[in-house]
Amino acid sequence: KIGLFYLIFYGMLAALVAICMWVFSQTLDPRIPKWQLDRSIIGTNPGLGFRPMPINNEESTLIWFQGSNRTNYEIWVNNILKFLDKYYFPTKITKGNQVKTCSYYDYPGPLEVCAVDWKDWDECNKQQYFNYHKNSPCIFLKLNKIYGWTPEYYDNPNDLPEDMPDKLKEHIKSINITERRTVWLTCEGENPADKEYLGPVTYYPKGMQGFPGYYFPYLNAEGYLSPLVAVKFERPISGIVINVECRAWAKNIIYNRAERTGSVHFELLID
């Protein structure tokens, strides 16, 4: 009898615990992290990522290819295509009609996310092998996702940091205040020699040079895709390792070259 009592008692206790856990789980949203921003491990300072990355060496940041060797450069092209698959085929991750075409004048609603149109990358497209066959490679940059993070923009032409490149300053001055709600992006050679060897840089989508504000904050909504900037290096010198630094610009993005915060580093070598 005692054994039967304990069997029933612990069975009811286990059932009660299971019911409590179920009720508690119904109050949680799997899309919303418990710890956010300052309380999270990720923190509040988003970093930058780039593609393509070396396949066989995760520690390497060297993009080394031969534009005259199709077998060689197609390795990098396929690397990019794998990363961009969800951008070319967004229906793979999207259900419903919550994706909209946004603009600086038309932000997404509470249940909507902004589309990322691959056509905006212009010459950086798969039909043109992302220009690797022309020794003018396209590199794709993205800002790492931090739940709930909202940028503080450099939108006042009279209050720009001294170390911001002059070309970006001129660009900010040339557009209206609404379009200045952007997390800016610059890519340059790290050292004077690298800047000379790297040559001119073009950013796509054209006229933005960064990540538009209507993609923020990231709230882990279904169908959300991180905005991308395609950076085309027009005429980098071949036969030389060129150190490249791409940097994100917002008032609440802390930059430190030594610790690689607020920026990303990679090398280009074209044979």
Protein backbone atom coordinates (compact mmCIF):
# COMPACT_ATOMS: atom_id res chain seq x y z
CA LYS A 1 0.00 0.00 0.00
CA ILE A 2 2.83 2.37 0.83
CA GLY A 3 4.44 1.67 -2.55
CA LEU A 4 1.16 2.38 -4.33
CA PHE A 5 0.78 5.62 -2.36
CA TYR A 6 4.21 6.88 -3.38
CA LEU A 7 3.64 5.85 -6.96
CA ILE A 8 0.44 7.88 -7.12
CA PHE A 9 1.97 10.77 -5.16
CA TYR A 10 5.05 11.15 -7.35
CA GLY A 11 2.98 10.60 -10.47
CA MET A 12 0.69 13.48 -9.51
CA LEU A 13 3.70 15.61 -8.56
CA ALA A 14 5.34 14.99 -11.93
CA ALA A 15 2.09 15.79 -13.71
CA LEU A 16 1.77 19.04 -11.73
CA VAL A 17 5.34 20.07 -12.61
CA ALA A 18 4.72 19.25 -16.27
CA ILE A 19 1.55 21.35 -16.29
CA CYS A 20 3.36 24.28 -14.65
CA MET A 21 6.19 24.06 -17.18
CA TRP A 22 3.71 23.96 -20.04
CA VAL A 23 1.85 27.00 -18.73
CA PHE A 24 5.15 28.85 -18.28
CA SER A 25 6.31 27.94 -21.79
CA GLN A 26 3.14 29.47 -23.22
CA THR A 27 4.19 32.85 -21.84
CA LEU A 28 7.52 32.77 -23.72
CA ASP A 29 8.04 33.84 -27.31
CA PRO A 30 10.77 31.72 -28.93
CA ARG A 31 11.64 34.66 -31.19
CA ILE A 32 12.38 37.01 -28.29
CA PRO A 33 15.61 36.37 -26.34
CA LYS A 34 15.41 36.64 -22.57
CA TRP A 35 18.66 38.59 -22.34
CA GLN A 36 18.96 41.54 -24.70
CA LEU A 37 21.46 44.28 -25.57
CA ASP A 38 23.61 45.14 -22.51
CA ARG A 39 22.38 42.04 -20.68
CA SER A 40 23.24 39.68 -23.53
CA ILE A 41 26.53 37.96 -24.35
CA ILE A 42 26.56 39.62 -27.79
CA GLY A 43 26.30 43.11 -26.30
CA THR A 44 25.38 46.30 -28.14
CA ASN A 45 28.23 46.75 -30.60
CA PRO A 46 27.49 45.03 -33.93
CA GLY A 47 30.39 43.77 -35.98
CA LEU A 48 30.76 43.31 -39.71
CA GLY A 49 30.95 40.09 -41.67
CA PHE A 50 32.11 39.53 -45.24
CA ARG A 51 31.65 36.97 -48.00
CA PRO A 52 33.25 35.08 -49.66
CA MET A 53 35.48 33.56 -47.01
CA PRO A 54 38.21 30.96 -47.53
CA ILE A 55 36.64 27.51 -47.51
CA ASN A 56 39.41 25.31 -46.17
CA ASN A 57 40.84 27.62 -43.53
CA GLU A 58 38.43 29.28 -41.09
CA GLU A 59 41.24 31.32 -39.56
CA SER A 60 42.26 32.88 -42.88
CA THR A 61 40.86 36.13 -44.26
CA LEU A 62 42.74 35.99 -47.56
CA ILE A 63 40.70 36.16 -50.78
CA TRP A 64 43.17 34.79 -53.31
CA PHE A 65 42.07 34.02 -56.85
CA GLN A 66 43.05 33.98 -60.52
CA GLY A 67 40.68 35.85 -62.81
CA SER A 68 42.12 34.06 -65.84
CA ASN A 69 41.48 30.62 -64.34
CA ARG A 70 37.79 29.73 -64.41
CA THR A 71 38.21 26.64 -62.25
CA ASN A 72 39.91 28.79 -59.64
CA TYR A 73 37.56 31.78 -59.51
CA GLU A 74 34.43 29.61 -59.66
CA ILE A 75 35.34 28.31 -56.21
CA TRP A 76 34.82 31.83 -54.90
CA VAL A 77 31.73 32.42 -57.03
CA ASN A 78 30.11 29.26 -55.68
CA ASN A 79 31.04 30.32 -52.17
CA ILE A 80 29.13 33.57 -52.70
CA LEU A 81 26.17 31.81 -54.34
CA LYS A 82 25.80 29.51 -51.35
CA PHE A 83 25.67 32.51 -49.03
CA LEU A 84 23.24 34.42 -51.26
CA ASP A 85 20.88 31.49 -51.82
CA LYS A 86 18.23 32.83 -49.42
CA TYR A 87 18.45 36.25 -51.07
CA TYR A 88 17.89 34.88 -54.55
CA PHE A 89 15.16 32.53 -53.28
CA PRO A 90 13.57 34.25 -50.24
CA THR A 91 10.51 31.98 -50.36
CA LYS A 92 12.71 29.29 -48.80
CA ILE A 93 12.54 31.12 -45.48
CA THR A 94 9.37 33.19 -45.87
CA LYS A 95 5.76 32.22 -45.37
CA GLY A 96 2.90 34.59 -45.96
CA ASN A 97 2.91 38.14 -47.27
CA GLN A 98 4.80 39.94 -44.51
CA VAL A 99 7.70 40.97 -46.80
CA LYS A 100 7.39 44.43 -48.30
CA THR A 101 9.46 46.76 -50.45
CA CYS A 102 10.58 49.45 -48.03
CA SER A 103 12.10 52.88 -48.51
CA TYR A 104 13.29 55.75 -46.37
CA TYR A 105 9.74 57.08 -46.64
CA ASP A 106 7.95 53.77 -46.09
CA TYR A 107 9.09 51.74 -43.08
CA PRO A 108 7.78 48.24 -42.29
CA GLY A 109 4.78 47.74 -40.03
CA PRO A 110 4.80 45.66 -36.82
CA LEU A 111 4.31 42.35 -38.65
CA GLU A 112 6.35 43.19 -41.75
CA VAL A 113 9.98 42.86 -42.82
CA CYS A 114 11.80 44.65 -45.62
CA ALA A 115 12.77 42.81 -48.78
CA VAL A 116 16.39 42.71 -49.95
CA ASP A 117 16.39 42.94 -53.75
CA TRP A 118 19.40 41.26 -55.35
CA LYS A 119 18.85 43.36 -58.48
CA ASP A 120 20.11 46.36 -56.52
CA TRP A 121 23.60 44.85 -56.52
CA ASP A 122 23.90 45.82 -60.17
CA GLU A 123 27.20 44.52 -61.58
CA CYS A 124 27.74 42.31 -58.54
CA ASN A 125 25.53 39.51 -59.85
CA LYS A 126 25.86 35.82 -60.60
CA GLN A 127 25.44 36.30 -64.35
CA GLN A 128 28.70 38.27 -64.33
CA TYR A 129 30.43 35.90 -61.89
CA PHE A 130 30.52 38.79 -59.41
CA ASN A 131 33.28 40.20 -61.65
CA TYR A 132 35.93 37.77 -60.46
CA HIS A 133 36.70 36.85 -64.06
CA LYS A 134 37.53 40.53 -64.68
CA ASN A 135 39.78 40.85 -61.62
CA SER A 136 37.27 43.36 -60.19
CA PRO A 137 35.86 41.27 -57.35
CA CYS A 138 32.67 41.98 -55.44
CA ILE A 139 32.72 41.41 -51.69
CA PHE A 140 29.44 41.30 -49.75
CA LEU A 141 29.28 42.99 -46.35
CA LYS A 142 26.66 42.55 -43.66
CA LEU A 143 26.12 43.97 -40.20
CA ASN A 144 25.83 41.28 -37.55
CA LYS A 145 22.34 40.97 -36.09
CA ILE A 146 21.69 42.13 -32.51
CA TYR A 147 18.13 41.80 -31.29
CA GLY A 148 16.56 45.18 -30.54
CA TRP A 149 19.60 47.26 -31.53
CA THR A 150 18.72 50.61 -33.09
CA PRO A 151 21.40 52.73 -34.80
CA GLU A 152 22.19 56.28 -33.80
CA TYR A 153 22.88 57.88 -37.16
CA TYR A 154 25.53 60.28 -38.37
CA ASP A 155 22.89 62.43 -40.02
CA ASN A 156 24.20 65.92 -39.27
CA PRO A 157 26.83 67.10 -41.81
CA ASN A 158 28.16 69.51 -39.18
CA ASP A 159 28.76 66.76 -36.64
CA LEU A 160 30.73 64.07 -38.45
CA PRO A 161 33.82 62.35 -36.98
CA GLU A 162 37.19 63.69 -38.06
CA ASP A 163 38.42 60.29 -39.21
CA MET A 164 35.44 59.71 -41.50
CA PRO A 165 36.65 59.60 -45.14
CA ASP A 166 36.06 62.83 -47.06
CA LYS A 167 34.15 61.06 -49.84
CA LEU A 168 31.61 59.76 -47.35
CA LYS A 169 31.29 63.19 -45.75
CA GLU A 170 30.55 64.69 -49.16
CA HIS A 171 27.99 61.97 -49.84
CA ILE A 172 26.19 62.65 -46.56
CA LYS A 173 26.09 66.37 -47.33
CA SER A 174 24.66 65.72 -50.80
CA ILE A 175 21.53 63.81 -49.68
CA ASN A 176 18.49 64.88 -47.70
CA ILE A 177 18.07 64.33 -43.97
CA THR A 178 15.66 61.40 -44.37
CA GLU A 179 18.14 59.41 -46.45
CA ARG A 180 20.87 60.06 -43.88
CA ARG A 181 19.20 57.53 -41.60
CA THR A 182 21.80 54.98 -42.66
CA VAL A 183 24.54 52.93 -41.03
CA TRP A 184 27.36 54.03 -43.33
CA LEU A 185 30.02 51.73 -44.72
CA THR A 186 33.51 52.43 -46.04
CA CYS A 187 36.14 50.07 -47.41
CA GLU A 188 39.73 51.26 -47.76
CA GLY A 189 43.27 49.99 -47.80
CA GLU A 190 44.57 49.79 -44.25
CA ASN A 191 47.85 51.56 -44.96
CA PRO A 192 48.85 54.28 -47.47
CA ALA A 193 50.39 51.67 -49.80
CA ASP A 194 47.27 49.48 -49.52
CA LYS A 195 45.06 52.44 -50.43
CA GLU A 196 47.12 53.06 -53.54
CA TYR A 197 47.11 49.40 -54.58
CA LEU A 198 43.39 48.92 -53.90
CA GLY A 199 42.17 51.58 -56.31
CA PRO A 200 38.59 52.87 -56.68
CA VAL A 201 35.67 51.27 -54.85
CA THR A 202 31.99 51.17 -55.86
CA TYR A 203 29.14 50.43 -53.43
CA TYR A 204 25.83 48.79 -54.29
CA PRO A 205 22.95 49.51 -53.99
CA LYS A 206 23.99 52.74 -55.66
CA GLY A 207 23.54 55.99 -53.78
CA MET A 208 23.35 54.41 -50.32
CA GLN A 209 26.84 53.32 -49.23
CA GLY A 210 25.51 51.57 -46.19
CA PHE A 211 22.63 49.82 -44.48
CA PRO A 212 19.33 51.75 -44.63
CA GLY A 213 17.63 52.51 -41.33
CA TYR A 214 14.37 50.82 -42.27
CA TYR A 215 15.99 47.41 -41.69
CA PHE A 216 16.42 48.21 -37.99
CA PRO A 217 15.79 47.18 -35.31
CA TYR A 218 16.20 43.46 -35.90
CA LEU A 219 13.36 41.67 -34.07
CA ASN A 220 13.85 38.11 -35.32
CA ALA A 221 10.70 38.37 -37.43
CA GLU A 222 9.92 35.57 -39.86
CA GLY A 223 11.38 36.22 -43.29
CA TYR A 224 13.88 38.84 -42.13
CA LEU A 225 17.05 39.06 -44.21
CA SER A 226 20.03 41.16 -43.19
CA PRO A 227 20.69 44.00 -45.63
CA LEU A 228 23.84 43.58 -47.70
CA VAL A 229 26.23 46.00 -49.33
CA ALA A 230 28.06 44.72 -52.39
CA VAL A 231 31.49 46.35 -52.60
CA LYS A 232 33.18 46.19 -55.98
CA PHE A 233 36.93 46.76 -56.11
CA GLU A 234 37.35 48.15 -59.60
CA ARG A 235 41.08 47.90 -60.34
CA PRO A 236 43.13 46.37 -57.52
CA ILE A 237 46.78 45.81 -58.38
CA SER A 238 47.54 42.15 -59.05
CA GLY A 239 50.40 40.17 -57.56
CA ILE A 240 50.35 42.04 -54.24
CA VAL A 241 48.59 41.22 -50.97
CA ILE A 242 46.34 44.20 -50.24
CA ASN A 243 45.08 44.72 -46.69
CA VAL A 244 41.49 45.97 -46.68
CA GLU A 245 39.46 47.35 -43.81
CA CYS A 246 35.70 47.89 -44.04
CA ARG A 247 34.14 49.97 -41.30
CA ALA A 248 30.56 50.60 -40.17
CA TRP A 249 29.67 54.13 -39.10
CA ALA A 250 27.05 54.97 -36.47
CA LYS A 251 27.31 56.90 -33.22
CA ASN A 252 26.67 53.76 -31.18
CA ILE A 253 29.12 51.53 -33.07
CA ILE A 254 32.44 51.55 -31.23
CA TYR A 255 35.44 51.27 -33.53
CA ASN A 256 38.75 49.79 -32.45
CA ARG A 257 41.13 48.53 -35.12
CA ALA A 258 43.26 46.53 -32.71
CA GLU A 259 40.26 44.63 -31.36
CA ARG A 260 38.46 44.55 -34.73
CA THR A 261 35.29 46.09 -33.32
CA GLY A 262 33.00 48.02 -35.63
CA SER A 263 34.99 46.83 -38.64
CA VAL A 264 36.24 43.81 -40.54
CA HIS A 265 39.61 43.05 -42.11
CA PHE A 266 40.50 40.88 -45.08
CA GLU A 267 43.22 40.63 -47.70
CA LEU A 268 42.98 40.58 -51.48
CA LEU A 269 45.50 38.79 -53.68
CA ILE A 270 44.87 38.55 -57.42
CA ASP A 271 47.22 36.40 -59.49
